[in-house]
PDB file of all heavy atoms in Angstrom:
ATOM      1  N   THR A   1       0.868  -1.263  -0.022  1.00  0.00           N
ATOM      2  CA  THR A   1      -0.025  -0.016   0.004  1.00  0.00           C
ATOM      3  C   THR A   1       0.855   1.333  -0.045  1.00  0.00           C
ATOM      4  O   THR A   1       0.326   2.266  -0.557  1.00  0.00           O
ATOM      5  CB  THR A   1      -0.977   0.059   1.211  1.00  0.00           C
ATOM      6  OG1 THR A   1      -0.170  -0.034   2.438  1.00  0.00           O
ATOM      7  CG2 THR A   1      -1.960  -1.091   1.184  1.00  0.00           C
ATOM      8  N   VAL A   2       1.958   1.264   0.544  1.00  0.00           N
ATOM      9  CA  VAL A   2       2.719   2.436   0.552  1.00  0.00           C
ATOM     10  C   VAL A   2       3.339   2.782  -0.813  1.00  0.00           C
ATOM     11  O   VAL A   2       3.844   1.833  -1.533  1.00  0.00           O
ATOM     12  CB  VAL A   2       4.042   2.354   1.569  1.00  0.00           C
ATOM     13  CG1 VAL A   2       4.952   3.624   1.453  1.00  0.00           C
ATOM     14  CG2 VAL A   2       3.515   2.205   2.955  1.00  0.00           C
ATOM     15  N   PRO A   3       3.126   4.034  -1.369  1.00  0.00           N
ATOM     16  CA  PRO A   3       3.518   4.240  -2.746  1.00  0.00           C
ATOM     17  C   PRO A   3       4.967   4.133  -2.904  1.00  0.00           C
ATOM     18  O   PRO A   3       5.800   4.861  -2.361  1.00  0.00           O
ATOM     19  CB  PRO A   3       3.042   5.771  -2.922  1.00  0.00           C
ATOM     20  CG  PRO A   3       2.177   6.064  -1.803  1.00  0.00           C
ATOM     21  CD  PRO A   3       2.504   5.155  -0.696  1.00  0.00           C
ATOM     22  N   LYS A   4       5.358   3.110  -3.629  1.00  0.00           N
ATOM     23  CA  LYS A   4       6.741   2.947  -3.951  1.00  0.00           C
ATOM     24  C   LYS A   4       6.805   2.033  -5.287  1.00  0.00           C
ATOM     25  O   LYS A   4       5.922   1.326  -5.493  1.00  0.00           O
ATOM     26  CB  LYS A   4       7.440   2.070  -2.892  1.00  0.00           C
ATOM     27  CG  LYS A   4       8.912   2.012  -2.923  1.00  0.00           C
ATOM     28  CD  LYS A   4       9.591   1.645  -1.701  1.00  0.00           C
ATOM     29  CE  LYS A   4      11.029   1.750  -2.001  1.00  0.00           C
ATOM     30  NZ  LYS A   4      11.761   1.801  -0.698  1.00  0.00           N
ATOM     31  N   ASN A   5       7.743   2.365  -5.974  1.00  0.00           N
ATOM     32  CA  ASN A   5       7.715   1.778  -7.415  1.00  0.00           C
ATOM     33  C   ASN A   5       8.379   0.354  -7.369  1.00  0.00           C
ATOM     34  O   ASN A   5       9.687   0.310  -7.365  1.00  0.00           O
ATOM     35  CB  ASN A   5       8.489   2.636  -8.330  1.00  0.00           C
ATOM     36  CG  ASN A   5       8.427   2.163  -9.821  1.00  0.00           C
ATOM     37  OD1 ASN A   5       7.882   1.185 -10.072  1.00  0.00           O
ATOM     38  ND2 ASN A   5       8.864   2.982 -10.707  1.00  0.00           N
ATOM     39  N   TRP A   6       7.631  -0.661  -7.113  1.00  0.00           N
ATOM     40  CA  TRP A   6       8.156  -2.052  -6.997  1.00  0.00           C
ATOM     41  C   TRP A   6       8.128  -2.719  -8.371  1.00  0.00           C
ATOM     42  O   TRP A   6       8.225  -3.931  -8.372  1.00  0.00           O
ATOM     43  CB  TRP A   6       7.411  -2.847  -5.908  1.00  0.00           C
ATOM     44  CG  TRP A   6       7.618  -2.409  -4.626  1.00  0.00           C
ATOM     45  CD1 TRP A   6       6.556  -1.870  -3.700  1.00  0.00           C
ATOM     46  CD2 TRP A   6       8.732  -2.405  -3.750  1.00  0.00           C
ATOM     47  NE1 TRP A   6       7.044  -1.631  -2.585  1.00  0.00           N
ATOM     48  CE2 TRP A   6       8.365  -1.902  -2.543  1.00  0.00           C
ATOM     49  CE3 TRP A   6      10.045  -2.713  -4.001  1.00  0.00           C
ATOM     50  CZ2 TRP A   6       9.285  -1.801  -1.499  1.00  0.00           C
ATOM     51  CZ3 TRP A   6      10.886  -2.681  -2.973  1.00  0.00           C
ATOM     52  CH2 TRP A   6      10.567  -2.172  -1.775  1.00  0.00           C
ATOM     53  N   ARG A   7       7.797  -2.064  -9.476  1.00  0.00           N
ATOM     54  CA  ARG A   7       7.450  -2.636 -10.738  1.00  0.00           C
ATOM     55  C   ARG A   7       8.367  -3.801 -11.170  1.00  0.00           C
ATOM     56  O   ARG A   7       7.955  -4.815 -11.519  1.00  0.00           O
ATOM     57  CB  ARG A   7       7.452  -1.690 -11.841  1.00  0.00           C
ATOM     58  CG  ARG A   7       6.121  -1.004 -11.864  1.00  0.00           C
ATOM     59  CD  ARG A   7       6.110  -0.014 -13.074  1.00  0.00           C
ATOM     60  NE  ARG A   7       6.918   1.182 -12.690  1.00  0.00           N
ATOM     61  CZ  ARG A   7       6.773   2.305 -13.221  1.00  0.00           C
ATOM     62  NH1 ARG A   7       6.068   2.462 -14.331  1.00  0.00           N
ATOM     63  NH2 ARG A   7       7.483   3.285 -12.803  1.00  0.00           N
ATOM     64  N   SER A   8       9.695  -3.546 -11.114  1.00  0.00           N
ATOM     65  CA  SER A   8      10.601  -4.636 -11.658  1.00  0.00           C
ATOM     66  C   SER A   8      11.259  -5.424 -10.503  1.00  0.00           C
ATOM     67  O   SER A   8      12.105  -6.286 -10.814  1.00  0.00           O
ATOM     68  CB  SER A   8      11.643  -4.008 -12.510  1.00  0.00           C
ATOM     69  OG  SER A   8      12.406  -3.070 -11.751  1.00  0.00           O
ATOM     70  N   ALA A   9      10.866  -5.110  -9.273  1.00  0.00           N
ATOM     71  CA  ALA A   9      11.531  -5.838  -8.199  1.00  0.00           C
ATOM     72  C   ALA A   9      10.855  -7.121  -7.871  1.00  0.00           C
ATOM     73  O   ALA A   9       9.544  -7.113  -7.790  1.00  0.00           O
ATOM     74  CB  ALA A   9      11.529  -4.945  -6.955  1.00  0.00           C
ATOM     75  N   PRO A  10      11.542  -8.219  -7.542  1.00  0.00           N
ATOM     76  CA  PRO A  10      10.900  -9.399  -7.054  1.00  0.00           C
ATOM     77  C   PRO A  10      10.446  -9.291  -5.606  1.00  0.00           C
ATOM     78  O   PRO A  10      10.827  -8.373  -4.941  1.00  0.00           O
ATOM     79  CB  PRO A  10      12.028 -10.499  -7.152  1.00  0.00           C
ATOM     80  CG  PRO A  10      13.322  -9.771  -7.107  1.00  0.00           C
ATOM     81  CD  PRO A  10      13.032  -8.363  -7.674  1.00  0.00           C
ATOM     82  N   ILE A  11       9.536 -10.122  -5.185  1.00  0.00           N
ATOM     83  CA  ILE A  11       8.922 -10.132  -3.866  1.00  0.00           C
ATOM     84  C   ILE A  11      10.054 -10.199  -2.768  1.00  0.00           C
ATOM     85  O   ILE A  11      10.047  -9.457  -1.806  1.00  0.00           O
ATOM     86  CB  ILE A  11       7.852 -11.188  -3.645  1.00  0.00           C
ATOM     87  CG1 ILE A  11       6.665 -10.889  -4.405  1.00  0.00           C
ATOM     88  CG2 ILE A  11       7.564 -11.427  -2.077  1.00  0.00           C
ATOM     89  CD1 ILE A  11       5.623 -12.051  -4.288  1.00  0.00           C
ATOM     90  N   ALA A  12      11.049 -10.976  -3.053  1.00  0.00           N
ATOM     91  CA  ALA A  12      12.155 -11.124  -2.021  1.00  0.00           C
ATOM     92  C   ALA A  12      12.836  -9.832  -1.715  1.00  0.00           C
ATOM     93  O   ALA A  12      13.098  -9.555  -0.721  1.00  0.00           O
ATOM     94  CB  ALA A  12      13.129 -12.194  -2.555  1.00  0.00           C
ATOM     95  N   GLU A  13      13.132  -8.994  -2.792  1.00  0.00           N
ATOM     96  CA  GLU A  13      13.680  -7.777  -2.670  1.00  0.00           C
ATOM     97  C   GLU A  13      12.909  -6.872  -1.996  1.00  0.00           C
ATOM     98  O   GLU A  13      13.288  -6.158  -1.036  1.00  0.00           O
ATOM     99  CB  GLU A  13      14.142  -7.217  -4.007  1.00  0.00           C
ATOM    100  CG  GLU A  13      14.999  -5.874  -3.988  1.00  0.00           C
ATOM    101  CD  GLU A  13      15.320  -5.339  -5.295  1.00  0.00           C
ATOM    102  OE1 GLU A  13      15.271  -6.097  -6.332  1.00  0.00           O
ATOM    103  OE2 GLU A  13      15.591  -4.126  -5.360  1.00  0.00           O
ATOM    104  N   ALA A  14      11.577  -6.730  -2.325  1.00  0.00           N
ATOM    105  CA  ALA A  14      10.671  -5.759  -1.709  1.00  0.00           C
ATOM    106  C   ALA A  14      10.521  -6.111  -0.163  1.00  0.00           C
ATOM    107  O   ALA A  14      10.595  -5.266   0.657  1.00  0.00           O
ATOM    108  CB  ALA A  14       9.258  -5.888  -2.291  1.00  0.00           C
ATOM    109  N   VAL A  15      10.460  -7.437   0.266  1.00  0.00           N
ATOM    110  CA  VAL A  15      10.344  -7.840   1.559  1.00  0.00           C
ATOM    111  C   VAL A  15      11.670  -7.455   2.327  1.00  0.00           C
ATOM    112  O   VAL A  15      11.592  -6.896   3.481  1.00  0.00           O
ATOM    113  CB  VAL A  15      10.124  -9.415   1.728  1.00  0.00           C
ATOM    114  CG1 VAL A  15      10.283  -9.826   3.040  1.00  0.00           C
ATOM    115  CG2 VAL A  15       8.670  -9.692   1.230  1.00  0.00           C
ATOM    116  N   GLU A  16      12.810  -7.796   1.677  1.00  0.00           N
ATOM    117  CA  GLU A  16      14.089  -7.458   2.417  1.00  0.00           C
ATOM    118  C   GLU A  16      14.288  -6.007   2.737  1.00  0.00           C
ATOM    119  O   GLU A  16      14.577  -5.564   3.717  1.00  0.00           O
ATOM    120  CB  GLU A  16      15.244  -7.980   1.564  1.00  0.00           C
ATOM    121  CG  GLU A  16      16.618  -7.753   2.185  1.00  0.00           C
ATOM    122  CD  GLU A  16      16.854  -8.661   3.415  1.00  0.00           C
ATOM    123  OE1 GLU A  16      16.244  -9.730   3.522  1.00  0.00           O
ATOM    124  OE2 GLU A  16      17.734  -8.218   4.172  1.00  0.00           O
ATOM    125  N   VAL A  17      13.916  -5.159   1.632  1.00  0.00           N
ATOM    126  CA  VAL A  17      14.135  -3.759   1.723  1.00  0.00           C
ATOM    127  C   VAL A  17      13.171  -3.141   2.808  1.00  0.00           C
ATOM    128  O   VAL A  17      13.509  -2.372   3.649  1.00  0.00           O
ATOM    129  CB  VAL A  17      13.909  -3.032   0.423  1.00  0.00           C
ATOM    130  CG1 VAL A  17      13.747  -1.542   0.569  1.00  0.00           C
ATOM    131  CG2 VAL A  17      15.085  -3.320  -0.556  1.00  0.00           C
ATOM    132  N   THR A  18      11.897  -3.632   2.737  1.00  0.00           N
ATOM    133  CA  THR A  18      10.938  -3.157   3.753  1.00  0.00           C
ATOM    134  C   THR A  18      11.267  -3.540   5.164  1.00  0.00           C
ATOM    135  O   THR A  18      11.188  -2.697   6.040  1.00  0.00           O
ATOM    136  CB  THR A  18       9.554  -3.559   3.326  1.00  0.00           C
ATOM    137  OG1 THR A  18       9.278  -3.100   1.951  1.00  0.00           O
ATOM    138  CG2 THR A  18       8.492  -3.102   4.276  1.00  0.00           C
ATOM    139  N   MET A  19      11.663  -4.768   5.394  1.00  0.00           N
ATOM    140  CA  MET A  19      11.996  -5.227   6.640  1.00  0.00           C
ATOM    141  C   MET A  19      13.161  -4.490   7.200  1.00  0.00           C
ATOM    142  O   MET A  19      13.167  -3.963   8.372  1.00  0.00           O
ATOM    143  CB  MET A  19      12.473  -6.695   6.709  1.00  0.00           C
ATOM    144  CG  MET A  19      11.224  -7.668   6.668  1.00  0.00           C
ATOM    145  SD  MET A  19      11.851  -9.353   6.864  1.00  0.00           S
ATOM    146  CE  MET A  19      10.434 -10.230   7.063  1.00  0.00           C
ATOM    147  N   GLN A  20      14.217  -4.185   6.420  1.00  0.00           N
ATOM    148  CA  GLN A  20      15.382  -3.509   6.764  1.00  0.00           C
ATOM    149  C   GLN A  20      14.989  -2.041   7.196  1.00  0.00           C
ATOM    150  O   GLN A  20      15.318  -1.518   8.305  1.00  0.00           O
ATOM    151  CB  GLN A  20      16.491  -3.445   5.677  1.00  0.00           C
ATOM    152  CG  GLN A  20      17.093  -4.749   5.382  1.00  0.00           C
ATOM    153  CD  GLN A  20      18.335  -5.014   6.186  1.00  0.00           C
ATOM    154  OE1 GLN A  20      18.949  -4.002   6.776  1.00  0.00           O
ATOM    155  NE2 GLN A  20      18.541  -6.234   6.413  1.00  0.00           N
ATOM    156  N   ASN A  21      14.248  -1.339   6.371  1.00  0.00           N
ATOM    157  CA  ASN A  21      13.813   0.051   6.581  1.00  0.00           C
ATOM    158  C   ASN A  21      13.005   0.217   7.906  1.00  0.00           C
ATOM    159  O   ASN A  21      13.203   1.002   8.742  1.00  0.00           O
ATOM    160  CB  ASN A  21      13.159   0.548   5.463  1.00  0.00           C
ATOM    161  CG  ASN A  21      14.086   0.840   4.212  1.00  0.00           C
ATOM    162  OD1 ASN A  21      15.230   0.892   4.460  1.00  0.00           O
ATOM    163  ND2 ASN A  21      13.528   0.968   3.093  1.00  0.00           N
ATOM    164  N   GLU A  22      11.952  -0.649   7.971  1.00  0.00           N
ATOM    165  CA  GLU A  22      11.082  -0.552   9.122  1.00  0.00           C
ATOM    166  C   GLU A  22      11.809  -0.905  10.425  1.00  0.00           C
ATOM    167  O   GLU A  22      11.533  -0.182  11.453  1.00  0.00           O
ATOM    168  CB  GLU A  22       9.821  -1.508   8.964  1.00  0.00           C
ATOM    169  CG  GLU A  22       8.977  -1.110   7.800  1.00  0.00           C
ATOM    170  CD  GLU A  22       8.351   0.315   7.948  1.00  0.00           C
ATOM    171  OE1 GLU A  22       7.959   0.681   9.031  1.00  0.00           O
ATOM    172  OE2 GLU A  22       8.332   0.985   6.888  1.00  0.00           O
ATOM    173  N   LEU A  23      12.526  -1.997  10.480  1.00  0.00           N
ATOM    174  CA  LEU A  23      13.261  -2.311  11.737  1.00  0.00           C
ATOM    175  C   LEU A  23      14.292  -1.290  12.051  1.00  0.00           C
ATOM    176  O   LEU A  23      14.471  -0.943  13.193  1.00  0.00           O
ATOM    177  CB  LEU A  23      13.926  -3.712  11.536  1.00  0.00           C
ATOM    178  CG  LEU A  23      12.918  -4.874  11.394  1.00  0.00           C
ATOM    179  CD1 LEU A  23      13.613  -6.177  11.110  1.00  0.00           C
ATOM    180  CD2 LEU A  23      12.040  -4.984  12.592  1.00  0.00           C
ATOM    181  N   ARG A  24      14.938  -0.664  11.057  1.00  0.00           N
ATOM    182  CA  ARG A  24      16.013   0.259  11.293  1.00  0.00           C
ATOM    183  C   ARG A  24      15.442   1.418  12.044  1.00  0.00           C
ATOM    184  O   ARG A  24      15.916   2.005  12.997  1.00  0.00           O
ATOM    185  CB  ARG A  24      16.679   0.684  10.017  1.00  0.00           C
ATOM    186  CG  ARG A  24      17.665   1.757  10.166  1.00  0.00           C
ATOM    187  CD  ARG A  24      18.271   2.312   8.870  1.00  0.00           C
ATOM    188  NE  ARG A  24      18.718   1.164   8.020  1.00  0.00           N
ATOM    189  CZ  ARG A  24      18.365   0.758   6.844  1.00  0.00           C
ATOM    190  NH1 ARG A  24      17.382   1.447   6.344  1.00  0.00           N
ATOM    191  NH2 ARG A  24      18.937  -0.219   6.223  1.00  0.00           N
ATOM    192  N   HIS A  25      14.200   1.979  11.587  1.00  0.00           N
ATOM    193  CA  HIS A  25      13.647   3.093  12.042  1.00  0.00           C
ATOM    194  C   HIS A  25      12.867   2.922  13.265  1.00  0.00           C
ATOM    195  O   HIS A  25      12.814   3.798  14.125  1.00  0.00           O
ATOM    196  CB  HIS A  25      12.641   3.834  11.023  1.00  0.00           C
ATOM    197  CG  HIS A  25      13.504   4.505   9.900  1.00  0.00           C
ATOM    198  ND1 HIS A  25      14.116   5.641   9.966  1.00  0.00           N
ATOM    199  CD2 HIS A  25      13.654   4.015   8.639  1.00  0.00           C
ATOM    200  CE1 HIS A  25      14.691   5.906   8.833  1.00  0.00           C
ATOM    201  NE2 HIS A  25      14.446   4.928   8.049  1.00  0.00           N
ATOM    202  N   GLN A  26      12.261   1.743  13.476  1.00  0.00           N
ATOM    203  CA  GLN A  26      11.482   1.488  14.683  1.00  0.00           C
ATOM    204  C   GLN A  26      12.121   0.813  15.839  1.00  0.00           C
ATOM    205  O   GLN A  26      11.676   0.971  16.941  1.00  0.00           O
ATOM    206  CB  GLN A  26      10.157   0.712  14.253  1.00  0.00           C
ATOM    207  CG  GLN A  26       9.311   1.493  13.341  1.00  0.00           C
ATOM    208  CD  GLN A  26       8.057   0.658  12.874  1.00  0.00           C
ATOM    209  OE1 GLN A  26       7.729  -0.328  13.473  1.00  0.00           O
ATOM    210  NE2 GLN A  26       7.294   1.224  11.885  1.00  0.00           N
ATOM    211  N   LEU A  27      13.099  -0.052  15.534  1.00  0.00           N
ATOM    212  CA  LEU A  27      13.737  -0.815  16.698  1.00  0.00           C
ATOM    213  C   LEU A  27      15.146  -0.532  16.906  1.00  0.00           C
ATOM    214  O   LEU A  27      15.786  -1.168  17.738  1.00  0.00           O
ATOM    215  CB  LEU A  27      13.568  -2.323  16.367  1.00  0.00           C
ATOM    216  CG  LEU A  27      12.032  -2.799  16.123  1.00  0.00           C
ATOM    217  CD1 LEU A  27      12.010  -4.255  15.809  1.00  0.00           C
ATOM    218  CD2 LEU A  27      11.326  -2.515  17.478  1.00  0.00           C
TER     219      LEU A  27
END
C-alpha cells in the first residue's frame, strides 16, 4: 500500500528492503 515503485523488483527484494527500513527506524 505504501506508494513505492516495485514494478521490476521481485517479492524477495521488496520484503528485504521493507524489513530493513522498518526495523531500522522503529527498533
